[in-house]
């Protein structure tokens, strides 16, 4: 089951996501009742967690309805099938309490950036945060090149985890039981942010240049949907691909992660309480623009794809 948020007549609404089209969930429930004579009670809001495991109150009902929608295929009433190009998709989790991201979770990416990848037993996940309210960007909405530092803006395709249950001190063996689903994040990054060119250098300047270069407005496109964790028993088997103007830049699999999803949840929850709706973006594979001194320009189009989820499209302005 894949679900998304859409702008439905000026208000956010939940919908099933089907690559080429979306089906508003409440409308699908009405069509189901009309055809089968059975009603499925679903919440009318746009909180996707209500429809997802492990604790969504309408998870089983939504899964049943989703299966019925899939079975209808072309027999589904045309007015329910809204072409993706005709709707505005919205960020699946609009205001997460925490937006956490990993740096250096793929060995080849570490090496292409000039580093040396350590074995998992010899290191730990590097976690940072982005300001969710100003970086999260709807699918299809433009990524803005920041006027303050426009010349070295880069892409980073990442698998993102949607937490579905309060998690503290969770063990790796149990960690996936706390996941609601998975989505895509493009961790847009300013590789050469250098505030105050007249500054006096301090020991930590380079670190904060790097960190602040993650924080520009609009630097976290997210979507197009969430795939239910129930449909992804092993998140380490997903294929990843990112293109810029149709040219493949990143091609990888989540199997290449140094710290798999479950290990990341164990690590973060050992000292931070994870809450339903929190997003954890699990790092990017090799193929960033910085390695070839190739950066984003206005007019570019990014397409970030992960199997089982879909494609997150972002124009650049």
Protein backbone atom coordinates (compact mmCIF):
# COMPACT_ATOMS: atom_id res chain seq x y z
CA UNK A 1 0.00 0.00 0.00
CA UNK A 2 1.28 3.43 -0.97
CA UNK A 3 -0.44 6.53 0.34
CA UNK A 4 0.17 10.22 -0.18
CA UNK A 5 -1.12 13.64 0.72
CA UNK A 6 -2.66 15.81 -1.98
CA UNK A 7 -4.20 19.24 -2.27
CA UNK A 8 -7.87 18.30 -2.71
CA UNK A 9 -10.02 21.32 -3.56
CA UNK A 10 -7.83 23.57 -1.46
CA UNK A 11 -7.50 21.26 1.53
CA UNK A 12 -5.00 18.49 2.27
CA UNK A 13 -6.37 14.96 1.91
CA UNK A 14 -5.05 11.40 1.97
CA UNK A 15 -4.95 9.36 -1.24
CA UNK A 16 -3.68 6.06 -2.55
CA UNK A 17 -0.65 6.57 -4.80
CA UNK A 18 -0.47 4.61 -8.07
CA UNK A 19 2.47 6.17 -10.00
CA UNK A 20 0.37 7.66 -12.81
CA UNK A 21 -2.65 8.62 -10.73
CA UNK A 22 -3.95 9.01 -7.19
CA UNK A 23 -7.25 7.89 -5.66
CA UNK A 24 -8.58 9.96 -2.74
CA UNK A 25 -9.13 7.55 0.14
CA UNK A 26 -12.54 8.81 1.26
CA UNK A 27 -13.86 8.73 -2.31
CA UNK A 28 -12.49 5.20 -2.69
CA UNK A 29 -14.33 4.14 0.47
CA UNK A 30 -17.58 5.51 -0.93
CA UNK A 31 -17.08 3.65 -4.21
CA UNK A 32 -16.28 0.46 -2.28
CA UNK A 33 -19.51 0.76 -0.27
CA UNK A 34 -21.55 1.41 -3.41
CA UNK A 35 -20.13 -1.65 -5.19
CA UNK A 36 -19.92 -4.16 -2.32
CA UNK A 37 -22.63 -2.97 0.02
CA UNK A 38 -20.08 -2.91 2.84
CA UNK A 39 -18.83 0.22 4.52
CA UNK A 40 -15.24 0.85 5.58
CA UNK A 41 -14.92 3.47 8.28
CA UNK A 42 -11.86 5.66 7.77
CA UNK A 43 -10.76 8.95 9.29
CA UNK A 44 -11.35 11.93 7.02
CA UNK A 45 -8.10 13.72 7.82
CA UNK A 46 -4.75 13.76 6.04
CA UNK A 47 -2.63 12.23 8.83
CA UNK A 48 -1.06 9.31 7.01
CA UNK A 49 0.02 7.65 10.25
CA UNK A 50 -3.62 6.74 10.88
CA UNK A 51 -3.50 4.47 7.81
CA UNK A 52 -0.11 2.89 8.47
CA UNK A 53 1.36 0.24 10.77
CA UNK A 54 2.23 -0.43 13.47
CA UNK A 55 -0.38 1.56 15.40
CA UNK A 56 -2.55 3.34 12.84
CA UNK A 57 -6.18 3.02 13.92
CA UNK A 58 -7.28 2.53 10.29
CA UNK A 59 -4.33 0.49 9.06
CA UNK A 60 -6.17 -2.77 8.38
CA UNK A 61 -9.17 -0.98 6.87
CA UNK A 62 -6.94 1.09 4.59
CA UNK A 63 -5.01 -2.02 3.51
CA UNK A 64 -8.27 -3.76 2.60
CA UNK A 65 -9.45 -0.75 0.63
CA UNK A 66 -6.08 -0.37 -1.09
CA UNK A 67 -6.21 -3.99 -2.25
CA UNK A 68 -9.71 -3.46 -3.62
CA UNK A 69 -8.59 -0.33 -5.50
CA UNK A 70 -5.70 -2.30 -7.04
CA UNK A 71 -8.04 -5.11 -8.07
CA UNK A 72 -10.42 -2.70 -9.79
CA UNK A 73 -7.68 -1.41 -12.07
CA UNK A 74 -9.35 0.13 -15.14
CA UNK A 75 -12.82 -0.64 -13.77
CA UNK A 76 -12.42 2.05 -11.12
CA UNK A 77 -14.71 5.01 -11.92
CA UNK A 78 -12.75 7.54 -13.96
CA UNK A 79 -13.57 10.43 -11.64
CA UNK A 80 -11.71 8.65 -8.82
CA UNK A 81 -8.49 8.28 -10.83
CA UNK A 82 -6.85 11.67 -10.70
CA UNK A 83 -3.72 11.92 -12.90
CA UNK A 84 -0.63 12.73 -10.86
CA UNK A 85 0.16 15.57 -13.25
CA UNK A 86 -3.19 17.19 -12.40
CA UNK A 87 -2.80 17.21 -8.62
CA UNK A 88 -0.40 18.87 -6.23
CA UNK A 89 1.28 16.22 -4.14
CA UNK A 90 2.19 17.32 -0.63
CA UNK A 91 4.97 16.30 1.74
CA UNK A 92 3.80 13.00 3.32
CA UNK A 93 4.61 14.13 6.88
CA UNK A 94 4.31 17.93 6.84
CA UNK A 95 5.48 18.80 10.35
CA UNK A 96 7.57 16.01 11.86
CA UNK A 97 8.79 16.67 15.36
CA UNK A 98 12.25 15.62 14.20
CA UNK A 99 13.91 15.53 10.79
CA UNK A 100 17.10 13.50 11.25
CA UNK A 101 19.61 12.68 8.51
CA UNK A 102 22.73 10.55 8.23
CA UNK A 103 26.07 11.57 6.79
CA UNK A 104 28.47 8.98 5.39
CA UNK A 105 26.36 5.82 5.43
CA UNK A 106 27.61 4.41 2.10
CA UNK A 107 31.27 3.46 1.77
CA UNK A 108 31.64 4.51 -1.87
CA UNK A 109 30.17 7.95 -1.10
CA UNK A 110 32.65 8.41 1.75
CA UNK A 111 35.49 7.43 -0.55
CA UNK A 112 34.38 9.65 -3.45
CA UNK A 113 34.38 12.56 -0.99
CA UNK A 114 37.98 11.86 -0.02
CA UNK A 115 37.34 9.94 3.18
CA UNK A 116 38.13 6.44 4.34
CA UNK A 117 35.16 4.23 5.11
CA UNK A 118 35.43 2.45 8.45
CA UNK A 119 33.87 -0.89 9.23
CA UNK A 120 30.58 -0.69 11.08
CA UNK A 121 32.12 -2.04 14.29
CA UNK A 122 34.71 0.75 14.24
CA UNK A 123 32.42 3.76 13.96
CA UNK A 124 28.85 4.97 14.59
CA UNK A 125 26.15 6.72 12.52
CA UNK A 126 26.78 10.43 11.97
CA UNK A 127 23.41 12.11 12.54
CA UNK A 128 22.45 15.73 11.91
CA UNK A 129 19.17 17.63 11.63
CA UNK A 130 17.43 19.99 9.24
CA UNK A 131 14.78 22.57 10.17
CA UNK A 132 11.71 20.69 8.98
CA UNK A 133 9.30 23.62 8.66
CA UNK A 134 11.46 25.48 6.12
CA UNK A 135 13.41 22.74 4.32
CA UNK A 136 10.72 20.13 3.59
CA UNK A 137 9.45 20.69 0.05
CA UNK A 138 6.44 19.15 -1.71
CA UNK A 139 6.95 16.84 -4.68
CA UNK A 140 7.03 18.86 -7.88
CA UNK A 141 7.74 22.12 -6.08
CA UNK A 142 10.97 23.86 -7.08
CA UNK A 143 14.23 23.66 -5.19
CA UNK A 144 15.45 27.27 -4.96
CA UNK A 145 19.09 28.13 -5.63
CA UNK A 146 19.97 30.36 -2.65
CA UNK A 147 21.09 33.87 -3.56
CA UNK A 148 23.47 33.93 -0.61
CA UNK A 149 25.50 31.00 -2.03
CA UNK A 150 24.36 29.90 -5.49
CA UNK A 151 27.24 28.10 -7.16
CA UNK A 152 27.71 24.69 -5.54
CA UNK A 153 24.27 23.20 -4.91
CA UNK A 154 24.24 19.39 -4.99
CA UNK A 155 21.84 16.44 -4.78
CA UNK A 156 21.66 13.46 -2.41
CA UNK A 157 19.12 10.68 -2.99
CA UNK A 158 18.15 9.01 0.29
CA UNK A 159 15.75 6.43 1.70
CA UNK A 160 13.76 7.97 4.54
CA UNK A 161 12.10 6.12 7.40
CA UNK A 162 8.78 7.25 8.89
CA UNK A 163 8.60 6.33 12.56
CA UNK A 164 5.21 4.96 13.61
CA UNK A 165 5.58 4.24 17.32
CA UNK A 166 7.38 5.83 20.28
CA UNK A 167 10.84 4.27 20.38
CA UNK A 168 13.41 4.58 23.16
CA UNK A 169 16.18 2.08 23.80
CA UNK A 170 15.04 -0.14 20.94
CA UNK A 171 17.23 -3.07 19.94
CA UNK A 172 18.17 -3.63 16.30
CA UNK A 173 16.35 -6.97 16.20
CA UNK A 174 13.07 -5.23 17.06
CA UNK A 175 13.61 -1.86 15.40
CA UNK A 176 11.58 -2.41 12.24
CA UNK A 177 8.50 -3.00 14.41
CA UNK A 178 8.57 0.77 15.07
CA UNK A 179 8.47 1.80 11.40
CA UNK A 180 5.29 3.06 9.74
CA UNK A 181 6.71 3.21 6.24
CA UNK A 182 9.32 4.57 3.87
CA UNK A 183 9.57 7.58 1.59
CA UNK A 184 12.21 9.44 -0.44
CA UNK A 185 14.24 12.47 0.57
CA UNK A 186 16.59 14.48 -1.62
CA UNK A 187 19.07 16.01 0.82
CA UNK A 188 19.98 19.09 -1.21
CA UNK A 189 23.36 20.40 -0.06
CA UNK A 190 25.43 23.56 -0.51
CA UNK A 191 28.98 22.23 -0.83
CA UNK A 192 30.77 25.57 -0.61
CA UNK A 193 28.82 27.63 1.91
CA UNK A 194 31.27 30.15 3.31
CA UNK A 195 29.52 32.84 5.36
CA UNK A 196 31.40 36.07 6.12
CA UNK A 197 34.38 35.98 3.80
CA UNK A 198 36.17 38.47 6.11
CA UNK A 199 35.88 36.17 9.10
CA UNK A 200 38.64 35.10 11.44
CA UNK A 201 38.87 31.32 11.14
CA UNK A 202 38.08 29.20 14.17
CA UNK A 203 38.67 25.50 14.70
CA UNK A 204 35.08 24.44 14.01
CA UNK A 205 34.32 26.74 11.06
CA UNK A 206 34.57 24.02 8.39
CA UNK A 207 32.13 21.80 10.27
CA UNK A 208 29.57 24.56 10.62
CA UNK A 209 30.02 25.64 7.00
CA UNK A 210 29.10 22.05 6.06
CA UNK A 211 26.18 21.89 8.49
CA UNK A 212 24.70 25.28 7.60
CA UNK A 213 25.01 24.32 3.93
CA UNK A 214 22.28 21.74 4.58
CA UNK A 215 19.81 24.25 5.98
CA UNK A 216 18.80 26.57 3.13
CA UNK A 217 15.08 26.98 2.55
CA UNK A 218 13.59 24.27 0.35
CA UNK A 219 16.59 21.94 0.69
CA UNK A 220 14.64 18.78 1.58
CA UNK A 221 12.19 17.60 -1.11
CA UNK A 222 10.22 14.64 0.25
CA UNK A 223 7.72 12.19 -1.25
CA UNK A 224 5.93 11.36 -3.44
CA UNK A 225 4.26 8.95 -1.03
CA UNK A 226 4.83 6.57 1.85
CA UNK A 227 4.94 2.84 1.22
CA UNK A 228 3.64 0.85 4.17
CA UNK A 229 6.27 -0.96 6.20
CA UNK A 230 4.04 -4.03 5.90
CA UNK A 231 4.90 -4.12 2.19
CA UNK A 232 8.67 -3.73 2.70
CA UNK A 233 9.77 -6.58 4.97
CA UNK A 234 13.44 -5.84 4.25
CA UNK A 235 14.36 -2.19 3.59
CA UNK A 236 17.89 -3.25 2.63
CA UNK A 237 16.76 -4.59 -0.77
CA UNK A 238 15.61 -1.37 -2.45
CA UNK A 239 17.05 -0.08 -5.73
CA UNK A 240 17.97 3.62 -5.91
CA UNK A 241 18.47 5.93 -8.88
CA UNK A 242 18.77 9.70 -9.29
CA UNK A 243 18.83 11.55 -12.60
CA UNK A 244 19.48 15.17 -13.48
CA UNK A 245 17.80 16.17 -16.75
CA UNK A 246 17.44 12.47 -17.53
CA UNK A 247 21.13 11.63 -16.99
CA UNK A 248 21.77 9.00 -14.32
CA UNK A 249 23.95 10.39 -11.53
CA UNK A 250 23.34 7.93 -8.68
CA UNK A 251 22.62 4.20 -9.03
CA UNK A 252 22.79 2.00 -5.94
CA UNK A 253 20.92 -0.22 -3.53
CA UNK A 254 20.11 0.17 0.15
CA UNK A 255 22.01 -3.08 0.72
CA UNK A 256 25.16 -0.93 0.51
CA UNK A 257 24.37 0.98 3.69
CA UNK A 258 27.03 0.71 6.40
CA UNK A 259 24.35 0.99 9.07
CA UNK A 260 21.06 -0.60 7.96
CA UNK A 261 17.75 0.97 8.91
CA UNK A 262 17.30 -1.15 12.03
CA UNK A 263 20.78 -0.30 13.32
CA UNK A 264 20.15 3.41 12.76
CA UNK A 265 16.95 3.24 14.80
CA UNK A 266 18.74 1.38 17.59
CA UNK A 267 21.52 4.00 17.69
CA UNK A 268 19.31 7.10 17.65
CA UNK A 269 16.76 5.68 20.09
CA UNK A 270 19.54 4.87 22.56
CA UNK A 271 19.73 8.56 23.43
CA UNK A 272 16.77 10.27 21.68
CA UNK A 273 13.11 9.35 22.03
CA UNK A 274 11.72 8.82 18.55
CA UNK A 275 8.09 9.79 18.08
CA UNK A 276 5.40 8.90 15.52
CA UNK A 277 5.96 10.96 12.39
CA UNK A 278 9.67 11.53 12.94
CA UNK A 279 11.67 11.19 9.72
CA UNK A 280 15.10 9.58 9.50
CA UNK A 281 16.90 9.95 6.19
CA UNK A 282 19.49 7.20 5.92
CA UNK A 283 22.29 8.74 3.85
CA UNK A 284 23.21 8.95 0.18
CA UNK A 285 25.18 6.60 -2.09
CA UNK A 286 28.01 7.58 -4.43
CA UNK A 287 27.37 9.87 -7.40
CA UNK A 288 27.05 13.36 -5.94
CA UNK A 289 27.83 16.34 -8.16
CA UNK A 290 30.75 17.59 -6.08
CA UNK A 291 32.98 14.72 -7.21
CA UNK A 292 32.85 16.01 -10.80
CA UNK A 293 32.42 19.69 -9.95
CA UNK A 294 28.93 19.52 -11.47
CA UNK A 295 26.25 21.44 -9.65
CA UNK A 296 22.59 22.31 -10.02
CA UNK A 297 21.44 25.26 -12.08
CA UNK A 298 18.07 26.87 -12.65
CA UNK A 299 16.09 24.84 -15.16
CA UNK A 300 17.46 21.46 -14.05
CA UNK A 301 15.04 18.68 -13.16
CA UNK A 302 15.84 16.09 -10.50
CA UNK A 303 14.17 12.67 -10.46
CA UNK A 304 14.89 10.59 -7.36
CA UNK A 305 13.59 7.02 -7.56
CA UNK A 306 13.51 4.18 -5.04
CA UNK A 307 11.87 0.85 -5.86
CA UNK A 308 8.59 0.10 -4.07
CA UNK A 309 8.11 3.84 -3.39
CA UNK A 310 8.17 5.78 -6.65
CA UNK A 311 9.83 8.88 -8.10
CA UNK A 312 10.27 12.24 -6.38
CA UNK A 313 10.53 14.97 -9.04
CA UNK A 314 11.97 18.39 -8.23
CA UNK A 315 12.60 21.24 -10.69
CA UNK A 316 15.32 23.75 -9.82
CA UNK A 317 14.78 27.51 -9.89
